Amino acid sequence: MSSLRPMTESEYVVWKAETVPAYAAGKVASGQWSKDESLDLSHKEYQELLPDGLNTKDNYLFSILDSEAMQVGILWFAIKTKFAAKIAFVFDVSVRPDRQREGHAHRAFISLEEEVKRLGLSGIALHVFGNNTSAQALYAKLGFHPTNISLYKAVGETGAEPFHRADSHRQDA
């Protein structure tokens, strides 16, 4: 059974070193950023979102643990006001590639629901890249419903083709 545990400082350092470039690659793959600017923009965004690292107010970073208390992934959410209520906005959920398809993300979201109730929040929101169909299927299975859909069409030779591939499950604000 998977569970959530607050992320340690050493886990945070490793996670940030991996997730900043992965998020940059996802933004490039989706056509939102150029490769040249992506890493700088990703670093800037993470600095704005987590200025105090693990101690950033209203942000919760968890390690996803397997039944043997081994870290298999992470889940990060922040308290936001959306839909006229305080909610948990999931910025990132990821499971190590060698531990995917074992139900860890699904169980992490079930644990997240308990944490959201404990904090007195009214719901959970997130963003998913359009090309991440496996994550979309997971979220649908968990009862999430789309609240809006962004579309893009490349035009001409200079139009960036989105959705080549994204390695990260990082959720965009």
N, C-alpha and C. Protein backbone atom coordinates (compact mmCIF):
# COMPACT_ATOMS: atom_id res chain seq x y z
N MET A 1 0.84 -1.18 0.00
CA MET A 1 0.00 0.00 0.00
C MET A 1 0.88 1.24 0.00
N SER A 2 0.61 2.17 -0.88
CA SER A 2 1.36 3.43 -0.94
C SER A 2 0.85 4.39 0.13
N SER A 3 1.76 5.24 0.58
CA SER A 3 1.38 6.28 1.54
C SER A 3 2.19 7.53 1.25
N LEU A 4 1.78 8.63 1.89
CA LEU A 4 2.50 9.89 1.74
C LEU A 4 3.22 10.21 3.03
N ARG A 5 4.44 10.76 2.89
CA ARG A 5 5.23 11.22 4.02
C ARG A 5 5.84 12.56 3.62
N PRO A 6 5.87 13.55 4.53
CA PRO A 6 6.52 14.81 4.17
C PRO A 6 7.93 14.56 3.62
N MET A 7 8.25 15.26 2.54
CA MET A 7 9.55 15.12 1.89
C MET A 7 10.65 15.64 2.81
N THR A 8 11.78 14.95 2.81
CA THR A 8 12.95 15.40 3.58
C THR A 8 13.73 16.41 2.75
N GLU A 9 14.61 17.13 3.41
CA GLU A 9 15.44 18.12 2.71
C GLU A 9 16.31 17.45 1.65
N SER A 10 16.90 16.30 1.96
CA SER A 10 17.75 15.62 0.97
C SER A 10 16.92 15.13 -0.22
N GLU A 11 15.71 14.66 0.03
CA GLU A 11 14.82 14.25 -1.06
C GLU A 11 14.43 15.46 -1.92
N TYR A 12 14.23 16.60 -1.27
CA TYR A 12 13.88 17.82 -1.98
C TYR A 12 14.99 18.23 -2.94
N VAL A 13 16.24 18.18 -2.48
CA VAL A 13 17.38 18.56 -3.32
C VAL A 13 17.44 17.68 -4.57
N VAL A 14 17.28 16.37 -4.38
CA VAL A 14 17.31 15.44 -5.51
C VAL A 14 16.13 15.70 -6.44
N TRP A 15 14.93 15.84 -5.87
CA TRP A 15 13.73 16.09 -6.67
C TRP A 15 13.87 17.34 -7.51
N LYS A 16 14.32 18.44 -6.91
CA LYS A 16 14.42 19.70 -7.64
C LYS A 16 15.46 19.60 -8.76
N ALA A 17 16.57 18.93 -8.51
CA ALA A 17 17.60 18.76 -9.54
C ALA A 17 17.06 17.97 -10.73
N GLU A 18 16.14 17.04 -10.49
CA GLU A 18 15.56 16.24 -11.57
C GLU A 18 14.38 16.92 -12.22
N THR A 19 13.53 17.58 -11.44
CA THR A 19 12.27 18.08 -11.97
C THR A 19 12.40 19.36 -12.77
N VAL A 20 13.35 20.23 -12.43
CA VAL A 20 13.50 21.49 -13.17
C VAL A 20 13.80 21.21 -14.64
N PRO A 21 14.79 20.39 -14.97
CA PRO A 21 15.03 20.11 -16.40
C PRO A 21 13.90 19.28 -17.04
N ALA A 22 13.27 18.40 -16.28
CA ALA A 22 12.16 17.61 -16.83
C ALA A 22 10.98 18.51 -17.17
N TYR A 23 10.69 19.47 -16.32
CA TYR A 23 9.61 20.42 -16.58
C TYR A 23 9.94 21.27 -17.80
N ALA A 24 11.19 21.72 -17.90
CA ALA A 24 11.62 22.50 -19.07
C ALA A 24 11.42 21.68 -20.35
N ALA A 25 11.79 20.40 -20.32
CA ALA A 25 11.62 19.54 -21.49
C ALA A 25 10.15 19.37 -21.84
N GLY A 26 9.29 19.25 -20.83
CA GLY A 26 7.86 19.14 -21.07
C GLY A 26 7.29 20.38 -21.71
N LYS A 27 7.75 21.54 -21.28
CA LYS A 27 7.27 22.80 -21.87
C LYS A 27 7.75 22.94 -23.32
N VAL A 28 8.97 22.48 -23.61
CA VAL A 28 9.47 22.50 -24.98
C VAL A 28 8.66 21.53 -25.84
N ALA A 29 8.45 20.32 -25.32
CA ALA A 29 7.71 19.29 -26.07
C ALA A 29 6.27 19.72 -26.36
N SER A 30 5.69 20.50 -25.46
CA SER A 30 4.31 20.94 -25.67
C SER A 30 4.23 22.20 -26.53
N GLY A 31 5.38 22.73 -26.94
CA GLY A 31 5.40 23.89 -27.82
C GLY A 31 5.28 25.22 -27.10
N GLN A 32 5.37 25.23 -25.78
CA GLN A 32 5.17 26.46 -25.03
C GLN A 32 6.45 27.28 -24.87
N TRP A 33 7.60 26.61 -24.82
CA TRP A 33 8.87 27.30 -24.65
C TRP A 33 9.85 26.81 -25.71
N SER A 34 10.83 27.68 -26.05
CA SER A 34 11.92 27.24 -26.92
C SER A 34 12.95 26.50 -26.08
N LYS A 35 13.70 25.62 -26.72
CA LYS A 35 14.72 24.86 -26.00
C LYS A 35 15.75 25.79 -25.37
N ASP A 36 16.13 26.84 -26.10
CA ASP A 36 17.16 27.75 -25.61
C ASP A 36 16.80 28.44 -24.30
N GLU A 37 15.54 28.80 -24.13
CA GLU A 37 15.12 29.53 -22.94
C GLU A 37 14.55 28.63 -21.84
N SER A 38 14.29 27.39 -22.15
CA SER A 38 13.49 26.53 -21.27
C SER A 38 14.09 26.31 -19.89
N LEU A 39 15.36 26.03 -19.80
CA LEU A 39 15.95 25.74 -18.49
C LEU A 39 15.93 26.97 -17.59
N ASP A 40 16.27 28.15 -18.15
CA ASP A 40 16.21 29.37 -17.36
C ASP A 40 14.79 29.67 -16.89
N LEU A 41 13.82 29.50 -17.79
CA LEU A 41 12.42 29.75 -17.43
C LEU A 41 11.94 28.77 -16.36
N SER A 42 12.35 27.52 -16.47
CA SER A 42 11.96 26.52 -15.48
C SER A 42 12.55 26.86 -14.11
N HIS A 43 13.83 27.20 -14.07
CA HIS A 43 14.45 27.60 -12.80
C HIS A 43 13.71 28.79 -12.20
N LYS A 44 13.39 29.77 -13.03
CA LYS A 44 12.69 30.97 -12.56
C LYS A 44 11.32 30.62 -11.99
N GLU A 45 10.59 29.76 -12.69
CA GLU A 45 9.25 29.39 -12.23
C GLU A 45 9.30 28.66 -10.88
N TYR A 46 10.24 27.73 -10.75
CA TYR A 46 10.36 27.00 -9.48
C TYR A 46 10.78 27.94 -8.35
N GLN A 47 11.64 28.91 -8.64
CA GLN A 47 12.05 29.87 -7.61
C GLN A 47 10.86 30.71 -7.17
N GLU A 48 9.99 31.08 -8.12
CA GLU A 48 8.80 31.86 -7.78
C GLU A 48 7.78 31.02 -7.00
N LEU A 49 7.63 29.75 -7.38
CA LEU A 49 6.65 28.89 -6.73
C LEU A 49 7.10 28.41 -5.36
N LEU A 50 8.40 28.16 -5.21
CA LEU A 50 8.93 27.62 -3.95
C LEU A 50 10.10 28.48 -3.46
N PRO A 51 9.87 29.76 -3.16
CA PRO A 51 10.98 30.63 -2.78
C PRO A 51 11.69 30.18 -1.50
N ASP A 52 10.98 29.50 -0.63
CA ASP A 52 11.57 29.02 0.62
C ASP A 52 11.69 27.49 0.63
N GLY A 53 11.78 26.90 -0.55
CA GLY A 53 11.93 25.45 -0.64
C GLY A 53 10.83 24.71 0.08
N LEU A 54 11.21 23.72 0.86
CA LEU A 54 10.24 22.93 1.61
C LEU A 54 9.43 23.76 2.61
N ASN A 55 9.95 24.90 2.98
CA ASN A 55 9.28 25.74 3.97
C ASN A 55 8.40 26.82 3.35
N THR A 56 8.15 26.73 2.05
CA THR A 56 7.30 27.71 1.39
C THR A 56 5.86 27.59 1.91
N LYS A 57 5.33 28.71 2.36
CA LYS A 57 3.99 28.75 2.95
C LYS A 57 2.95 28.14 1.99
N ASP A 58 2.04 27.37 2.57
CA ASP A 58 0.91 26.77 1.86
C ASP A 58 1.31 25.78 0.76
N ASN A 59 2.54 25.28 0.79
CA ASN A 59 3.00 24.25 -0.14
C ASN A 59 3.33 23.00 0.64
N TYR A 60 2.93 21.87 0.09
CA TYR A 60 3.10 20.58 0.74
C TYR A 60 3.78 19.63 -0.23
N LEU A 61 4.97 19.20 0.11
CA LEU A 61 5.73 18.27 -0.72
C LEU A 61 5.86 16.95 0.02
N PHE A 62 5.41 15.89 -0.63
CA PHE A 62 5.40 14.57 -0.02
C PHE A 62 6.21 13.58 -0.86
N SER A 63 6.77 12.61 -0.18
CA SER A 63 7.32 11.44 -0.84
C SER A 63 6.22 10.39 -0.87
N ILE A 64 6.11 9.70 -1.98
CA ILE A 64 5.19 8.57 -2.09
C ILE A 64 5.99 7.34 -1.71
N LEU A 65 5.49 6.62 -0.72
CA LEU A 65 6.19 5.43 -0.22
C LEU A 65 5.44 4.17 -0.60
N ASP A 66 6.20 3.11 -0.89
CA ASP A 66 5.56 1.82 -1.15
C ASP A 66 5.29 1.11 0.18
N SER A 67 4.83 -0.12 0.12
CA SER A 67 4.46 -0.87 1.33
C SER A 67 5.66 -1.16 2.23
N GLU A 68 6.88 -1.02 1.71
CA GLU A 68 8.08 -1.24 2.51
C GLU A 68 8.75 0.07 2.91
N ALA A 69 8.01 1.19 2.79
CA ALA A 69 8.48 2.53 3.16
C ALA A 69 9.63 3.02 2.28
N MET A 70 9.73 2.50 1.06
CA MET A 70 10.72 2.97 0.09
C MET A 70 10.09 4.08 -0.75
N GLN A 71 10.86 5.16 -0.96
CA GLN A 71 10.34 6.25 -1.78
C GLN A 71 10.25 5.81 -3.24
N VAL A 72 9.05 5.94 -3.81
CA VAL A 72 8.84 5.57 -5.21
C VAL A 72 8.40 6.76 -6.06
N GLY A 73 8.15 7.90 -5.41
CA GLY A 73 7.72 9.08 -6.16
C GLY A 73 7.49 10.26 -5.25
N ILE A 74 6.90 11.31 -5.84
CA ILE A 74 6.62 12.53 -5.08
C ILE A 74 5.24 13.08 -5.46
N LEU A 75 4.71 13.88 -4.55
CA LEU A 75 3.47 14.60 -4.80
C LEU A 75 3.60 15.97 -4.14
N TRP A 76 3.34 17.03 -4.93
CA TRP A 76 3.44 18.40 -4.44
C TRP A 76 2.15 19.13 -4.73
N PHE A 77 1.58 19.73 -3.70
CA PHE A 77 0.42 20.59 -3.91
C PHE A 77 0.55 21.86 -3.09
N ALA A 78 -0.20 22.86 -3.51
CA ALA A 78 -0.26 24.13 -2.79
C ALA A 78 -1.71 24.48 -2.55
N ILE A 79 -1.95 25.18 -1.46
CA ILE A 79 -3.30 25.68 -1.19
C ILE A 79 -3.53 26.92 -2.05
N LYS A 80 -4.58 26.89 -2.83
CA LYS A 80 -4.95 27.99 -3.73
C LYS A 80 -6.42 28.29 -3.55
N THR A 81 -6.82 29.46 -4.00
CA THR A 81 -8.23 29.79 -4.04
C THR A 81 -8.67 29.71 -5.50
N LYS A 82 -9.53 28.77 -5.78
CA LYS A 82 -10.10 28.58 -7.12
C LYS A 82 -11.54 28.17 -6.94
N PHE A 83 -12.34 28.50 -7.91
CA PHE A 83 -13.75 28.12 -7.85
C PHE A 83 -14.38 28.66 -6.56
N ALA A 84 -13.92 29.85 -6.11
CA ALA A 84 -14.44 30.53 -4.92
C ALA A 84 -14.25 29.72 -3.64
N ALA A 85 -13.22 28.89 -3.60
CA ALA A 85 -12.98 28.07 -2.41
C ALA A 85 -11.49 27.77 -2.29
N LYS A 86 -11.07 27.38 -1.10
CA LYS A 86 -9.69 26.93 -0.87
C LYS A 86 -9.59 25.48 -1.34
N ILE A 87 -8.62 25.25 -2.21
CA ILE A 87 -8.43 23.91 -2.77
C ILE A 87 -6.94 23.54 -2.72
N ALA A 88 -6.67 22.27 -2.96
CA ALA A 88 -5.30 21.79 -3.15
C ALA A 88 -5.05 21.78 -4.65
N PHE A 89 -4.06 22.55 -5.11
CA PHE A 89 -3.68 22.52 -6.52
C PHE A 89 -2.42 21.68 -6.64
N VAL A 90 -2.51 20.56 -7.34
CA VAL A 90 -1.38 19.64 -7.49
C VAL A 90 -0.47 20.18 -8.58
N PHE A 91 0.75 20.51 -8.20
CA PHE A 91 1.74 20.98 -9.14
C PHE A 91 2.55 19.84 -9.74
N ASP A 92 2.75 18.79 -8.98
CA ASP A 92 3.59 17.70 -9.49
C ASP A 92 3.22 16.40 -8.80
N VAL A 93 3.12 15.37 -9.60
CA VAL A 93 3.02 14.01 -9.09
C VAL A 93 3.83 13.16 -10.05
N SER A 94 4.72 12.39 -9.51
CA SER A 94 5.50 11.51 -10.38
C SER A 94 5.91 10.26 -9.60
N VAL A 95 6.03 9.19 -10.34
CA VAL A 95 6.47 7.91 -9.80
C VAL A 95 7.69 7.49 -10.62
N ARG A 96 8.71 6.99 -9.94
CA ARG A 96 9.91 6.53 -10.65
C ARG A 96 9.52 5.59 -11.80
N PRO A 97 10.19 5.71 -12.94
CA PRO A 97 9.84 4.87 -14.09
C PRO A 97 9.81 3.37 -13.79
N ASP A 98 10.75 2.90 -12.97
CA ASP A 98 10.80 1.46 -12.67
C ASP A 98 9.70 1.02 -11.71
N ARG A 99 8.92 1.97 -11.15
CA ARG A 99 7.85 1.63 -10.21
C ARG A 99 6.47 2.08 -10.72
N GLN A 100 6.42 2.52 -11.98
CA GLN A 100 5.14 2.91 -12.56
C GLN A 100 4.29 1.68 -12.87
N ARG A 101 3.00 1.91 -13.00
CA ARG A 101 2.01 0.88 -13.32
C ARG A 101 1.82 -0.12 -12.18
N GLU A 102 2.14 0.34 -10.95
CA GLU A 102 1.93 -0.49 -9.76
C GLU A 102 0.83 0.10 -8.87
N GLY A 103 0.21 1.17 -9.30
CA GLY A 103 -0.88 1.79 -8.54
C GLY A 103 -0.45 2.83 -7.53
N HIS A 104 0.83 3.22 -7.51
CA HIS A 104 1.31 4.17 -6.51
C HIS A 104 0.67 5.55 -6.66
N ALA A 105 0.57 6.05 -7.88
CA ALA A 105 -0.03 7.38 -8.07
C ALA A 105 -1.50 7.37 -7.67
N HIS A 106 -2.20 6.31 -8.03
CA HIS A 106 -3.61 6.20 -7.67
C HIS A 106 -3.77 6.24 -6.15
N ARG A 107 -3.00 5.43 -5.44
CA ARG A 107 -3.09 5.39 -3.99
C ARG A 107 -2.61 6.70 -3.35
N ALA A 108 -1.64 7.36 -3.99
CA ALA A 108 -1.19 8.66 -3.48
C ALA A 108 -2.32 9.68 -3.53
N PHE A 109 -3.11 9.64 -4.60
CA PHE A 109 -4.24 10.57 -4.70
C PHE A 109 -5.33 10.24 -3.67
N ILE A 110 -5.50 8.98 -3.37
CA ILE A 110 -6.47 8.60 -2.33
C ILE A 110 -5.98 9.16 -0.98
N SER A 111 -4.68 9.03 -0.71
CA SER A 111 -4.11 9.61 0.51
C SER A 111 -4.20 11.13 0.48
N LEU A 112 -4.01 11.72 -0.67
CA LEU A 112 -4.13 13.17 -0.81
C LEU A 112 -5.54 13.63 -0.43
N GLU A 113 -6.54 12.89 -0.84
CA GLU A 113 -7.92 13.26 -0.49
C GLU A 113 -8.07 13.35 1.03
N GLU A 114 -7.47 12.43 1.76
CA GLU A 114 -7.53 12.47 3.22
C GLU A 114 -6.82 13.71 3.77
N GLU A 115 -5.68 14.05 3.19
CA GLU A 115 -4.93 15.24 3.61
C GLU A 115 -5.74 16.50 3.32
N VAL A 116 -6.39 16.55 2.18
CA VAL A 116 -7.23 17.69 1.81
C VAL A 116 -8.37 17.87 2.80
N LYS A 117 -9.01 16.76 3.17
CA LYS A 117 -10.07 16.83 4.18
C LYS A 117 -9.51 17.32 5.52
N ARG A 118 -8.34 16.80 5.92
CA ARG A 118 -7.72 17.19 7.18
C ARG A 118 -7.44 18.69 7.22
N LEU A 119 -7.04 19.26 6.07
CA LEU A 119 -6.73 20.68 5.99
C LEU A 119 -7.98 21.55 5.81
N GLY A 120 -9.15 20.91 5.66
CA GLY A 120 -10.39 21.66 5.49
C GLY A 120 -10.56 22.28 4.12
N LEU A 121 -9.90 21.71 3.13
CA LEU A 121 -10.01 22.22 1.76
C LEU A 121 -11.20 21.58 1.07
N SER A 122 -11.70 22.23 0.02
CA SER A 122 -12.93 21.74 -0.60
C SER A 122 -12.71 20.84 -1.81
N GLY A 123 -11.50 20.75 -2.32
CA GLY A 123 -11.28 19.90 -3.48
C GLY A 123 -9.84 19.90 -3.94
N ILE A 124 -9.62 19.24 -5.07
CA ILE A 124 -8.29 19.10 -5.66
C ILE A 124 -8.39 19.50 -7.12
N ALA A 125 -7.45 20.32 -7.58
CA ALA A 125 -7.38 20.70 -8.99
C ALA A 125 -5.96 20.43 -9.48
N LEU A 126 -5.81 20.30 -10.77
CA LEU A 126 -4.50 20.08 -11.37
C LEU A 126 -4.55 20.40 -12.85
N HIS A 127 -3.38 20.45 -13.45
CA HIS A 127 -3.23 20.64 -14.90
C HIS A 127 -2.52 19.42 -15.43
N VAL A 128 -2.88 19.00 -16.62
CA VAL A 128 -2.18 17.89 -17.27
C VAL A 128 -1.93 18.28 -18.72
N PHE A 129 -0.72 17.99 -19.20
CA PHE A 129 -0.41 18.26 -20.60
C PHE A 129 -1.31 17.42 -21.50
N GLY A 130 -1.70 17.98 -22.63
CA GLY A 130 -2.62 17.31 -23.55
C GLY A 130 -2.12 15.99 -24.09
N ASN A 131 -0.80 15.83 -24.16
CA ASN A 131 -0.25 14.58 -24.70
C ASN A 131 -0.05 13.51 -23.64
N ASN A 132 -0.38 13.79 -22.41
CA ASN A 132 -0.16 12.84 -21.32
C ASN A 132 -1.44 12.03 -21.09
N THR A 133 -1.73 11.16 -22.02
CA THR A 133 -2.98 10.40 -21.98
C THR A 133 -3.04 9.42 -20.82
N SER A 134 -1.91 8.87 -20.40
CA SER A 134 -1.95 7.94 -19.27
C SER A 134 -2.33 8.67 -17.98
N ALA A 135 -1.81 9.88 -17.79
CA ALA A 135 -2.19 10.65 -16.60
C ALA A 135 -3.66 11.05 -16.69
N GLN A 136 -4.12 11.42 -17.88
CA GLN A 136 -5.53 11.79 -18.05
C GLN A 136 -6.43 10.62 -17.68
N ALA A 137 -6.04 9.42 -18.08
CA ALA A 137 -6.84 8.24 -17.76
C ALA A 137 -6.87 8.00 -16.25
N LEU A 138 -5.73 8.17 -15.58
CA LEU A 138 -5.68 8.02 -14.12
C LEU A 138 -6.61 9.02 -13.46
N TYR A 139 -6.53 10.28 -13.87
CA TYR A 139 -7.34 11.31 -13.23
C TYR A 139 -8.83 11.07 -13.47
N ALA A 140 -9.19 10.62 -14.65
CA ALA A 140 -10.60 10.30 -14.92
C ALA A 140 -11.07 9.16 -14.00
N LYS A 141 -10.22 8.16 -13.84
CA LYS A 141 -10.55 7.03 -12.96
C LYS A 141 -10.74 7.49 -11.51
N LEU A 142 -9.99 8.52 -11.12
CA LEU A 142 -10.08 9.06 -9.77
C LEU A 142 -11.25 10.03 -9.59
N GLY A 143 -11.96 10.33 -10.68
CA GLY A 143 -13.13 11.20 -10.59
C GLY A 143 -12.90 12.65 -10.96
N PHE A 144 -11.75 12.98 -11.52
CA PHE A 144 -11.51 14.35 -11.96
C PHE A 144 -12.25 14.61 -13.26
N HIS A 145 -12.71 15.86 -13.43
CA HIS A 145 -13.42 16.27 -14.64
C HIS A 145 -12.74 17.50 -15.21
N PRO A 146 -12.67 17.61 -16.54
CA PRO A 146 -12.06 18.81 -17.15
C PRO A 146 -12.85 20.06 -16.78
N THR A 147 -12.13 21.14 -16.51
CA THR A 147 -12.78 22.43 -16.27
C THR A 147 -12.55 23.39 -17.43
N ASN A 148 -11.53 23.14 -18.24
CA ASN A 148 -11.30 23.87 -19.48
C ASN A 148 -10.29 23.10 -20.31
N ILE A 149 -10.26 23.37 -21.59
CA ILE A 149 -9.34 22.68 -22.49
C ILE A 149 -8.67 23.73 -23.36
N SER A 150 -7.34 23.74 -23.40
CA SER A 150 -6.59 24.63 -24.26
C SER A 150 -6.21 23.87 -25.52
N LEU A 151 -6.31 24.52 -26.65
CA LEU A 151 -5.97 23.89 -27.93
C LEU A 151 -4.91 24.72 -28.63
N TYR A 152 -4.15 24.08 -29.52
CA TYR A 152 -3.08 24.74 -30.25
C TYR A 152 -2.96 24.12 -31.63
N LYS A 153 -2.66 24.96 -32.62
CA LYS A 153 -2.39 24.47 -33.97
C LYS A 153 -1.17 25.23 -34.49
N ALA A 154 -0.13 24.49 -34.91
CA ALA A 154 1.06 25.11 -35.49
C ALA A 154 0.71 25.56 -36.91
N VAL A 155 1.22 26.74 -37.29
CA VAL A 155 0.96 27.27 -38.62
C VAL A 155 2.29 27.68 -39.23
N GLY A 156 2.58 27.17 -40.43
CA GLY A 156 3.81 27.52 -41.12
C GLY A 156 5.02 26.82 -40.56
N GLU A 157 6.15 27.08 -41.20
CA GLU A 157 7.39 26.42 -40.81
C GLU A 157 7.90 26.84 -39.44
N THR A 158 7.56 28.06 -39.01
CA THR A 158 8.06 28.53 -37.71
C THR A 158 7.16 28.14 -36.55
N GLY A 159 5.98 27.59 -36.84
CA GLY A 159 5.08 27.17 -35.77
C GLY A 159 5.65 25.98 -35.03
N ALA A 160 5.76 26.10 -33.73
CA ALA A 160 6.28 25.00 -32.92
C ALA A 160 5.25 23.88 -32.85
N GLU A 161 5.69 22.67 -33.11
CA GLU A 161 4.82 21.50 -33.00
C GLU A 161 4.77 21.05 -31.56
N PRO A 162 3.62 21.15 -30.92
CA PRO A 162 3.53 20.70 -29.52
C PRO A 162 3.39 19.19 -29.43
N PHE A 163 3.53 18.69 -28.24
CA PHE A 163 3.20 17.31 -27.90
C PHE A 163 4.12 16.27 -28.53
N HIS A 164 5.40 16.59 -28.66
CA HIS A 164 6.32 15.55 -29.14
C HIS A 164 6.46 14.47 -28.10
N ARG A 165 6.80 14.87 -26.90
CA ARG A 165 6.85 13.96 -25.77
C ARG A 165 7.15 14.76 -24.53
N ALA A 166 6.66 14.31 -23.43
CA ALA A 166 6.95 14.95 -22.14
C ALA A 166 7.28 13.85 -21.15
N ASP A 167 8.45 13.95 -20.55
CA ASP A 167 8.89 12.92 -19.62
C ASP A 167 8.35 13.14 -18.21
N SER A 168 7.87 14.33 -17.94
CA SER A 168 7.48 14.67 -16.58
C SER A 168 5.97 14.66 -16.41
N HIS A 169 5.52 14.29 -15.24
CA HIS A 169 4.12 14.40 -14.88
C HIS A 169 3.90 15.71 -14.15
N ARG A 170 4.91 16.58 -14.15
CA ARG A 170 4.82 17.86 -13.45
C ARG A 170 3.57 18.58 -13.89
N GLN A 171 2.84 19.07 -12.98
CA GLN A 171 1.60 19.79 -13.26
C GLN A 171 1.89 21.27 -13.35
N ASP A 172 1.39 21.89 -14.36
CA ASP A 172 1.62 23.30 -14.63
C ASP A 172 0.58 24.15 -13.94
N ALA A 173 1.01 25.28 -13.44
CA ALA A 173 0.07 26.21 -12.79
C ALA A 173 -0.77 26.94 -13.81
